[in-house]
Amino acid sequence: MTQDGVHARTRRSLAAVGALVALLAGCGHPTGSPASARDGSGTGARGGIHVGANGVDLRITRPVAHLDASGSGMLSMTVANSGSVAEHLDMVGTPGGGRGTLVGGGGRASGAMTGGGVQILPGGSTGFGADHGPRIRVAHVHGVTAGRTLPVVLEFGVVGLVHMQAQVSRG
């Protein structure tokens, strides 16, 4: 093999490595939207939590998981949005990959089910589990802590993921 052949192969290898590095550099969080600016978190089954981002200002109060002996039941809580942008609850997660089933309330106000989830309008409040309100059903959940709380992850369209603890009541 000639010396020019070795140099050509080296140049092609370096070009391939450079392309791979450029491709992999695009993976991860976008630089304009770091995860920490989008994700909210909090705990406090009794006191609730507060999270805000991008015009949404949510207060989640009184989260309670009403569970029977099999771990099935409903999650109740109140979500108030004092921001200027509408929010949607898209998903509810429980330990072990469990998912809550969202059922929207009637009408077009806060609590109604839309294509994006259960809406929480600006200046509105939604009582999950309240009369005529939206519902969150859970089935066979595991992971109730020694302090009788259930770790829950809420996924909202604007503020992102919110981690909280719901007080567990049997019944």
N, C-alpha and C. Protein backbone atom coordinates (compact mmCIF):
# COMPACT_ATOMS: atom_id res chain seq x y z
N MET A 1 0.85 -1.17 0.00
CA MET A 1 0.00 0.00 0.00
C MET A 1 0.89 1.22 0.00
N THR A 2 0.47 2.25 -0.72
CA THR A 2 1.28 3.45 -0.81
C THR A 2 1.01 4.37 0.36
N GLN A 3 1.91 5.30 0.52
CA GLN A 3 1.76 6.25 1.62
C GLN A 3 0.53 7.13 1.40
N ASP A 4 0.22 7.48 0.14
CA ASP A 4 -0.97 8.29 -0.15
C ASP A 4 -2.24 7.54 0.22
N GLY A 5 -2.28 6.21 0.06
CA GLY A 5 -3.44 5.40 0.42
C GLY A 5 -3.67 5.42 1.92
N VAL A 6 -2.58 5.37 2.70
CA VAL A 6 -2.69 5.42 4.16
C VAL A 6 -3.23 6.78 4.60
N HIS A 7 -2.73 7.86 4.01
CA HIS A 7 -3.20 9.21 4.36
C HIS A 7 -4.67 9.39 3.99
N ALA A 8 -5.09 8.87 2.86
CA ALA A 8 -6.49 9.00 2.43
C ALA A 8 -7.40 8.24 3.39
N ARG A 9 -6.99 7.04 3.80
CA ARG A 9 -7.79 6.26 4.73
C ARG A 9 -7.85 6.97 6.09
N THR A 10 -6.76 7.56 6.53
CA THR A 10 -6.73 8.29 7.80
C THR A 10 -7.68 9.48 7.74
N ARG A 11 -7.66 10.21 6.61
CA ARG A 11 -8.56 11.36 6.46
C ARG A 11 -10.02 10.93 6.49
N ARG A 12 -10.35 9.81 5.83
CA ARG A 12 -11.73 9.31 5.84
C ARG A 12 -12.15 8.90 7.24
N SER A 13 -11.24 8.26 7.98
CA SER A 13 -11.55 7.83 9.35
C SER A 13 -11.79 9.04 10.25
N LEU A 14 -10.94 10.05 10.12
CA LEU A 14 -11.11 11.26 10.93
C LEU A 14 -12.42 11.97 10.59
N ALA A 15 -12.78 11.99 9.31
CA ALA A 15 -14.04 12.61 8.91
C ALA A 15 -15.23 11.85 9.50
N ALA A 16 -15.16 10.52 9.51
CA ALA A 16 -16.24 9.71 10.08
C ALA A 16 -16.35 9.94 11.58
N VAL A 17 -15.22 10.00 12.28
CA VAL A 17 -15.22 10.25 13.72
C VAL A 17 -15.79 11.65 14.00
N GLY A 18 -15.40 12.63 13.22
CA GLY A 18 -15.91 13.99 13.39
C GLY A 18 -17.42 14.06 13.20
N ALA A 19 -17.93 13.35 12.20
CA ALA A 19 -19.38 13.32 11.97
C ALA A 19 -20.10 12.65 13.13
N LEU A 20 -19.53 11.58 13.66
CA LEU A 20 -20.13 10.88 14.79
C LEU A 20 -20.16 11.78 16.03
N VAL A 21 -19.07 12.49 16.29
CA VAL A 21 -19.01 13.40 17.44
C VAL A 21 -20.06 14.50 17.28
N ALA A 22 -20.21 15.06 16.09
CA ALA A 22 -21.20 16.10 15.86
C ALA A 22 -22.61 15.57 16.06
N LEU A 23 -22.86 14.35 15.62
CA LEU A 23 -24.17 13.74 15.80
C LEU A 23 -24.48 13.53 17.28
N LEU A 24 -23.52 12.98 18.03
CA LEU A 24 -23.73 12.72 19.44
C LEU A 24 -23.83 13.99 20.27
N ALA A 25 -23.21 15.06 19.81
CA ALA A 25 -23.27 16.33 20.55
C ALA A 25 -24.68 16.89 20.55
N GLY A 26 -25.51 16.49 19.60
CA GLY A 26 -26.89 16.96 19.55
C GLY A 26 -27.81 16.24 20.52
N CYS A 27 -27.33 15.18 21.17
CA CYS A 27 -28.17 14.43 22.11
C CYS A 27 -28.23 15.16 23.45
N GLY A 28 -29.27 14.91 24.21
CA GLY A 28 -29.39 15.51 25.54
C GLY A 28 -30.42 16.61 25.53
N HIS A 29 -30.33 17.51 26.52
CA HIS A 29 -31.28 18.61 26.65
C HIS A 29 -30.93 19.71 25.67
N PRO A 30 -31.92 20.34 25.03
CA PRO A 30 -31.63 21.48 24.18
C PRO A 30 -31.04 22.61 25.01
N THR A 31 -30.11 23.35 24.42
CA THR A 31 -29.44 24.39 25.18
C THR A 31 -30.37 25.53 25.55
N GLY A 32 -31.40 25.78 24.77
CA GLY A 32 -32.31 26.87 25.08
C GLY A 32 -33.35 26.53 26.14
N SER A 33 -33.46 25.27 26.53
CA SER A 33 -34.50 24.85 27.48
C SER A 33 -33.97 23.81 28.43
N PRO A 34 -33.14 24.22 29.40
CA PRO A 34 -32.60 23.23 30.33
C PRO A 34 -33.71 22.59 31.14
N ALA A 35 -33.50 21.34 31.52
CA ALA A 35 -34.53 20.59 32.24
C ALA A 35 -34.92 21.28 33.54
N SER A 36 -33.95 21.89 34.21
CA SER A 36 -34.26 22.50 35.50
C SER A 36 -35.20 23.69 35.36
N ALA A 37 -35.22 24.34 34.20
CA ALA A 37 -36.11 25.48 34.01
C ALA A 37 -37.54 25.03 33.76
N ARG A 38 -37.74 23.77 33.38
CA ARG A 38 -39.05 23.25 33.03
C ARG A 38 -39.65 22.40 34.13
N ASP A 39 -38.86 21.66 34.84
CA ASP A 39 -39.37 20.70 35.81
C ASP A 39 -39.65 21.37 37.14
N GLY A 40 -40.77 21.00 37.72
CA GLY A 40 -41.09 21.45 39.07
C GLY A 40 -41.07 20.26 39.98
N SER A 41 -40.80 20.48 41.22
CA SER A 41 -40.86 19.36 42.15
C SER A 41 -41.24 19.88 43.52
N GLY A 42 -41.71 18.98 44.33
CA GLY A 42 -42.06 19.33 45.68
C GLY A 42 -42.61 18.13 46.40
N THR A 43 -42.73 18.24 47.67
CA THR A 43 -43.30 17.18 48.47
C THR A 43 -44.32 17.81 49.40
N GLY A 44 -44.77 17.06 50.34
CA GLY A 44 -45.67 17.62 51.33
C GLY A 44 -47.10 17.21 51.11
N ALA A 45 -47.45 16.04 51.57
CA ALA A 45 -48.81 15.54 51.38
C ALA A 45 -49.82 16.45 52.07
N ARG A 46 -49.47 17.00 53.21
CA ARG A 46 -50.43 17.81 53.95
C ARG A 46 -50.46 19.26 53.46
N GLY A 47 -49.31 19.85 53.26
CA GLY A 47 -49.25 21.25 52.90
C GLY A 47 -49.36 21.53 51.42
N GLY A 48 -49.16 20.54 50.58
CA GLY A 48 -49.19 20.74 49.15
C GLY A 48 -47.91 21.34 48.63
N ILE A 49 -47.91 21.66 47.35
CA ILE A 49 -46.71 22.20 46.72
C ILE A 49 -47.08 23.35 45.79
N HIS A 50 -46.07 24.11 45.43
CA HIS A 50 -46.21 25.24 44.53
C HIS A 50 -45.16 25.09 43.45
N VAL A 51 -45.56 25.25 42.19
CA VAL A 51 -44.62 25.18 41.08
C VAL A 51 -45.09 26.13 39.99
N GLY A 52 -44.14 26.78 39.34
CA GLY A 52 -44.49 27.69 38.27
C GLY A 52 -43.43 27.72 37.19
N ALA A 53 -43.87 27.95 35.96
CA ALA A 53 -42.95 28.10 34.82
C ALA A 53 -43.74 28.61 33.63
N ASN A 54 -43.13 29.47 32.84
CA ASN A 54 -43.66 29.90 31.55
C ASN A 54 -45.10 30.40 31.62
N GLY A 55 -45.43 31.21 32.61
CA GLY A 55 -46.76 31.79 32.72
C GLY A 55 -47.77 30.96 33.48
N VAL A 56 -47.36 29.77 33.94
CA VAL A 56 -48.25 28.92 34.75
C VAL A 56 -47.77 29.00 36.19
N ASP A 57 -48.71 29.14 37.13
CA ASP A 57 -48.39 29.22 38.55
C ASP A 57 -49.36 28.28 39.28
N LEU A 58 -48.90 27.05 39.57
CA LEU A 58 -49.76 26.02 40.14
C LEU A 58 -49.54 25.84 41.63
N ARG A 59 -50.64 25.63 42.34
CA ARG A 59 -50.63 25.19 43.73
C ARG A 59 -51.42 23.90 43.78
N ILE A 60 -50.78 22.86 44.29
CA ILE A 60 -51.42 21.55 44.42
C ILE A 60 -51.59 21.29 45.90
N THR A 61 -52.83 21.16 46.34
CA THR A 61 -53.11 21.01 47.77
C THR A 61 -53.94 19.75 48.02
N ARG A 62 -53.83 19.27 49.24
CA ARG A 62 -54.59 18.13 49.76
C ARG A 62 -54.53 16.88 48.88
N PRO A 63 -53.34 16.44 48.45
CA PRO A 63 -53.28 15.20 47.67
C PRO A 63 -53.49 13.98 48.57
N VAL A 64 -54.50 13.19 48.26
CA VAL A 64 -54.83 11.99 49.04
C VAL A 64 -55.09 10.84 48.08
N ALA A 65 -54.46 9.70 48.34
CA ALA A 65 -54.73 8.47 47.59
C ALA A 65 -55.70 7.63 48.42
N HIS A 66 -56.92 7.49 47.93
CA HIS A 66 -57.97 6.70 48.60
C HIS A 66 -57.88 5.29 48.04
N LEU A 67 -57.25 4.37 48.78
CA LEU A 67 -56.96 3.03 48.26
C LEU A 67 -57.68 1.95 49.06
N ASP A 68 -58.11 0.90 48.35
CA ASP A 68 -58.66 -0.28 49.03
C ASP A 68 -57.51 -1.24 49.32
N ALA A 69 -57.82 -2.42 49.84
CA ALA A 69 -56.79 -3.39 50.23
C ALA A 69 -55.94 -3.86 49.04
N SER A 70 -56.48 -3.80 47.82
CA SER A 70 -55.72 -4.24 46.64
C SER A 70 -54.83 -3.13 46.08
N GLY A 71 -54.91 -1.92 46.64
CA GLY A 71 -54.13 -0.79 46.13
C GLY A 71 -54.82 -0.05 45.01
N SER A 72 -56.11 -0.27 44.84
CA SER A 72 -56.87 0.41 43.79
C SER A 72 -57.75 1.48 44.42
N GLY A 73 -58.03 2.52 43.65
CA GLY A 73 -58.88 3.58 44.15
C GLY A 73 -58.74 4.85 43.35
N MET A 74 -58.78 5.98 44.05
CA MET A 74 -58.74 7.29 43.41
C MET A 74 -57.73 8.20 44.09
N LEU A 75 -57.20 9.13 43.32
CA LEU A 75 -56.32 10.17 43.83
C LEU A 75 -57.12 11.46 43.82
N SER A 76 -57.22 12.11 44.97
CA SER A 76 -57.91 13.40 45.02
C SER A 76 -56.91 14.49 45.37
N MET A 77 -57.16 15.69 44.85
CA MET A 77 -56.31 16.85 45.13
C MET A 77 -56.97 18.05 44.48
N THR A 78 -56.52 19.22 44.87
CA THR A 78 -56.97 20.45 44.23
C THR A 78 -55.78 21.08 43.54
N VAL A 79 -55.97 21.48 42.27
CA VAL A 79 -54.92 22.14 41.50
C VAL A 79 -55.45 23.51 41.10
N ALA A 80 -54.79 24.57 41.57
CA ALA A 80 -55.17 25.94 41.25
C ALA A 80 -54.09 26.57 40.38
N ASN A 81 -54.49 27.28 39.34
CA ASN A 81 -53.57 27.94 38.43
C ASN A 81 -53.79 29.45 38.52
N SER A 82 -52.90 30.15 39.22
CA SER A 82 -53.02 31.61 39.32
C SER A 82 -52.18 32.32 38.27
N GLY A 83 -51.67 31.57 37.30
CA GLY A 83 -50.87 32.16 36.23
C GLY A 83 -51.73 32.71 35.11
N SER A 84 -51.07 33.09 34.02
CA SER A 84 -51.75 33.68 32.87
C SER A 84 -51.88 32.72 31.69
N VAL A 85 -51.41 31.49 31.84
CA VAL A 85 -51.41 30.50 30.76
C VAL A 85 -52.15 29.25 31.22
N ALA A 86 -52.97 28.68 30.33
CA ALA A 86 -53.68 27.44 30.65
C ALA A 86 -52.69 26.28 30.78
N GLU A 87 -53.02 25.35 31.64
CA GLU A 87 -52.18 24.16 31.88
C GLU A 87 -53.04 22.92 31.68
N HIS A 88 -52.40 21.78 31.41
CA HIS A 88 -53.08 20.49 31.25
C HIS A 88 -52.34 19.43 32.03
N LEU A 89 -53.06 18.64 32.80
CA LEU A 89 -52.48 17.46 33.44
C LEU A 89 -52.57 16.33 32.42
N ASP A 90 -51.40 15.85 31.99
CA ASP A 90 -51.32 14.85 30.92
C ASP A 90 -51.25 13.42 31.44
N MET A 91 -50.55 13.21 32.57
CA MET A 91 -50.27 11.85 33.02
C MET A 91 -50.03 11.85 34.51
N VAL A 92 -50.41 10.73 35.15
CA VAL A 92 -50.15 10.51 36.57
C VAL A 92 -49.42 9.19 36.69
N GLY A 93 -48.24 9.21 37.31
CA GLY A 93 -47.45 7.99 37.49
C GLY A 93 -47.32 7.63 38.95
N THR A 94 -47.26 6.31 39.21
CA THR A 94 -47.07 5.79 40.56
C THR A 94 -45.90 4.82 40.55
N PRO A 95 -45.38 4.43 41.71
CA PRO A 95 -44.22 3.53 41.76
C PRO A 95 -44.44 2.25 40.95
N GLY A 96 -43.34 1.71 40.45
CA GLY A 96 -43.38 0.46 39.70
C GLY A 96 -43.95 0.61 38.30
N GLY A 97 -43.97 1.81 37.76
CA GLY A 97 -44.48 2.04 36.41
C GLY A 97 -45.98 2.14 36.32
N GLY A 98 -46.67 2.28 37.46
CA GLY A 98 -48.13 2.40 37.44
C GLY A 98 -48.57 3.72 36.84
N ARG A 99 -49.74 3.72 36.24
CA ARG A 99 -50.30 4.93 35.64
C ARG A 99 -51.73 5.13 36.13
N GLY A 100 -52.06 6.37 36.40
CA GLY A 100 -53.43 6.70 36.74
C GLY A 100 -54.23 6.92 35.47
N THR A 101 -55.52 6.67 35.54
CA THR A 101 -56.42 6.91 34.41
C THR A 101 -57.13 8.23 34.65
N LEU A 102 -56.95 9.18 33.73
CA LEU A 102 -57.58 10.49 33.84
C LEU A 102 -58.97 10.46 33.22
N VAL A 103 -59.95 10.96 33.96
CA VAL A 103 -61.31 11.09 33.47
C VAL A 103 -61.71 12.53 33.71
N GLY A 104 -62.02 13.26 32.63
CA GLY A 104 -62.32 14.68 32.76
C GLY A 104 -63.72 14.95 33.26
N GLY A 105 -63.87 16.12 33.85
CA GLY A 105 -65.18 16.57 34.28
C GLY A 105 -65.95 17.12 33.09
N GLY A 106 -67.17 17.51 33.31
CA GLY A 106 -67.99 18.03 32.23
C GLY A 106 -67.71 19.48 31.93
N GLY A 107 -68.21 19.94 30.81
CA GLY A 107 -68.12 21.35 30.45
C GLY A 107 -66.82 21.72 29.79
N ARG A 108 -66.60 23.04 29.69
CA ARG A 108 -65.41 23.56 29.02
C ARG A 108 -64.53 24.34 29.98
N ALA A 109 -64.86 24.33 31.24
CA ALA A 109 -64.09 25.08 32.24
C ALA A 109 -62.92 24.24 32.73
N SER A 110 -62.28 24.73 33.78
CA SER A 110 -61.21 23.95 34.40
C SER A 110 -61.76 22.59 34.79
N GLY A 111 -60.97 21.55 34.53
CA GLY A 111 -61.37 20.19 34.85
C GLY A 111 -61.89 19.41 33.68
N ALA A 112 -62.15 20.07 32.56
CA ALA A 112 -62.64 19.37 31.38
C ALA A 112 -61.51 18.59 30.71
N MET A 113 -61.84 17.45 30.12
CA MET A 113 -60.85 16.66 29.39
C MET A 113 -60.74 17.22 27.97
N THR A 114 -59.50 17.46 27.55
CA THR A 114 -59.23 17.92 26.19
C THR A 114 -58.21 16.96 25.58
N GLY A 115 -57.83 17.21 24.35
CA GLY A 115 -56.81 16.39 23.70
C GLY A 115 -55.48 16.41 24.43
N GLY A 116 -55.22 17.47 25.19
CA GLY A 116 -53.96 17.59 25.92
C GLY A 116 -54.02 17.08 27.34
N GLY A 117 -55.18 16.65 27.80
CA GLY A 117 -55.33 16.18 29.18
C GLY A 117 -56.42 16.97 29.88
N VAL A 118 -56.40 16.93 31.20
CA VAL A 118 -57.38 17.67 31.99
C VAL A 118 -56.89 19.11 32.12
N GLN A 119 -57.70 20.06 31.64
CA GLN A 119 -57.24 21.45 31.62
C GLN A 119 -57.44 22.14 32.96
N ILE A 120 -56.49 23.04 33.24
CA ILE A 120 -56.58 23.93 34.40
C ILE A 120 -56.39 25.33 33.83
N LEU A 121 -57.48 26.08 33.75
CA LEU A 121 -57.46 27.40 33.11
C LEU A 121 -56.78 28.43 34.00
N PRO A 122 -56.25 29.52 33.40
CA PRO A 122 -55.68 30.60 34.20
C PRO A 122 -56.74 31.17 35.14
N GLY A 123 -56.37 31.36 36.39
CA GLY A 123 -57.30 31.86 37.38
C GLY A 123 -58.31 30.82 37.85
N GLY A 124 -58.15 29.58 37.38
CA GLY A 124 -59.11 28.53 37.72
C GLY A 124 -58.55 27.54 38.72
N SER A 125 -59.44 26.74 39.24
CA SER A 125 -59.09 25.71 40.21
C SER A 125 -59.86 24.45 39.85
N THR A 126 -59.21 23.31 39.98
CA THR A 126 -59.83 22.03 39.65
C THR A 126 -59.71 21.09 40.83
N GLY A 127 -60.83 20.56 41.26
CA GLY A 127 -60.85 19.59 42.35
C GLY A 127 -60.95 18.18 41.80
N PHE A 128 -59.82 17.48 41.74
CA PHE A 128 -59.82 16.09 41.28
C PHE A 128 -60.47 15.24 42.37
N GLY A 129 -61.48 14.48 41.99
CA GLY A 129 -62.21 13.66 42.95
C GLY A 129 -63.40 14.36 43.57
N ALA A 130 -63.61 15.64 43.24
CA ALA A 130 -64.75 16.39 43.76
C ALA A 130 -66.00 16.06 42.95
N ASP A 131 -67.18 16.40 43.49
CA ASP A 131 -68.43 16.17 42.75
C ASP A 131 -68.36 16.84 41.38
N HIS A 132 -68.71 16.11 40.35
CA HIS A 132 -68.76 16.59 38.97
C HIS A 132 -67.40 17.03 38.44
N GLY A 133 -66.34 16.74 39.14
CA GLY A 133 -65.01 17.12 38.70
C GLY A 133 -64.28 15.96 38.03
N PRO A 134 -63.08 16.21 37.57
CA PRO A 134 -62.30 15.14 36.96
C PRO A 134 -61.87 14.11 38.00
N ARG A 135 -61.50 12.95 37.54
CA ARG A 135 -61.10 11.84 38.41
C ARG A 135 -59.76 11.29 37.96
N ILE A 136 -59.02 10.76 38.93
CA ILE A 136 -57.78 10.03 38.64
C ILE A 136 -57.94 8.67 39.30
N ARG A 137 -58.12 7.64 38.49
CA ARG A 137 -58.25 6.28 39.00
C ARG A 137 -56.89 5.61 38.98
N VAL A 138 -56.60 4.86 40.04
CA VAL A 138 -55.36 4.08 40.10
C VAL A 138 -55.72 2.64 40.41
N ALA A 139 -54.91 1.71 39.91
CA ALA A 139 -55.19 0.29 40.12
C ALA A 139 -53.93 -0.44 40.57
N HIS A 140 -54.07 -1.19 41.64
CA HIS A 140 -53.02 -2.08 42.15
C HIS A 140 -51.68 -1.35 42.33
N VAL A 141 -51.71 -0.18 42.96
CA VAL A 141 -50.48 0.57 43.18
C VAL A 141 -49.66 -0.07 44.30
N HIS A 142 -48.37 0.08 44.18
CA HIS A 142 -47.41 -0.40 45.17
C HIS A 142 -46.54 0.77 45.57
N GLY A 143 -45.79 0.63 46.65
CA GLY A 143 -44.84 1.66 47.03
C GLY A 143 -45.30 2.61 48.10
N VAL A 144 -46.35 2.26 48.83
CA VAL A 144 -46.77 3.10 49.95
C VAL A 144 -45.66 3.10 50.99
N THR A 145 -45.26 4.29 51.43
CA THR A 145 -44.14 4.41 52.36
C THR A 145 -44.57 4.07 53.78
N ALA A 146 -43.58 3.92 54.66
CA ALA A 146 -43.86 3.66 56.07
C ALA A 146 -44.65 4.80 56.70
N GLY A 147 -44.50 6.01 56.16
CA GLY A 147 -45.25 7.17 56.65
C GLY A 147 -46.64 7.29 56.06
N ARG A 148 -47.10 6.24 55.39
CA ARG A 148 -48.43 6.18 54.78
C ARG A 148 -48.62 7.25 53.71
N THR A 149 -47.61 7.41 52.87
CA THR A 149 -47.74 8.28 51.71
C THR A 149 -47.42 7.48 50.45
N LEU A 150 -47.91 7.97 49.32
CA LEU A 150 -47.66 7.35 48.03
C LEU A 150 -46.92 8.34 47.15
N PRO A 151 -45.71 8.00 46.69
CA PRO A 151 -45.01 8.88 45.74
C PRO A 151 -45.79 8.93 44.42
N VAL A 152 -45.99 10.14 43.92
CA VAL A 152 -46.75 10.34 42.69
C VAL A 152 -45.98 11.31 41.81
N VAL A 153 -46.00 11.06 40.50
CA VAL A 153 -45.43 11.99 39.53
C VAL A 153 -46.56 12.49 38.66
N LEU A 154 -46.70 13.80 38.57
CA LEU A 154 -47.69 14.43 37.70
C LEU A 154 -46.96 15.02 36.52
N GLU A 155 -47.47 14.79 35.32
CA GLU A 155 -46.86 15.40 34.13
C GLU A 155 -47.83 16.43 33.57
N PHE A 156 -47.38 17.69 33.60
CA PHE A 156 -48.16 18.79 33.06
C PHE A 156 -47.57 19.22 31.73
N GLY A 157 -48.40 19.79 30.87
CA GLY A 157 -47.95 20.21 29.55
C GLY A 157 -46.96 21.36 29.57
N VAL A 158 -47.08 22.29 30.50
CA VAL A 158 -46.21 23.46 30.53
C VAL A 158 -45.12 23.33 31.60
N VAL A 159 -45.48 23.07 32.83
CA VAL A 159 -44.46 23.04 33.90
C VAL A 159 -43.68 21.74 33.94
N GLY A 160 -44.13 20.71 33.23
CA GLY A 160 -43.38 19.46 33.18
C GLY A 160 -43.71 18.53 34.33
N LEU A 161 -42.70 17.84 34.82
CA LEU A 161 -42.89 16.82 35.86
C LEU A 161 -42.91 17.43 37.25
N VAL A 162 -43.87 16.99 38.05
CA VAL A 162 -43.98 17.42 39.44
C VAL A 162 -44.02 16.15 40.30
N HIS A 163 -43.07 16.04 41.22
CA HIS A 163 -43.00 14.90 42.14
C HIS A 163 -43.63 15.31 43.46
N MET A 164 -44.51 14.47 43.98
CA MET A 164 -45.15 14.79 45.25
C MET A 164 -45.48 13.51 46.01
N GLN A 165 -45.91 13.67 47.24
CA GLN A 165 -46.35 12.57 48.08
C GLN A 165 -47.83 12.78 48.39
N ALA A 166 -48.63 11.75 48.16
CA ALA A 166 -50.05 11.81 48.50
C ALA A 166 -50.28 11.01 49.78
N GLN A 167 -50.99 11.60 50.72
CA GLN A 167 -51.36 10.89 51.94
C GLN A 167 -52.26 9.71 51.56
N VAL A 168 -52.07 8.55 52.18
CA VAL A 168 -52.88 7.37 51.86
C VAL A 168 -53.98 7.20 52.89
N SER A 169 -55.21 7.03 52.39
CA SER A 169 -56.34 6.69 53.26
C SER A 169 -56.96 5.41 52.72
N ARG A 170 -57.35 4.55 53.62
CA ARG A 170 -57.98 3.28 53.22
C ARG A 170 -59.48 3.46 53.11
N GLY A 171 -60.03 2.92 52.02
CA GLY A 171 -61.47 2.99 51.91
C GLY A 171 -62.01 3.08 50.55
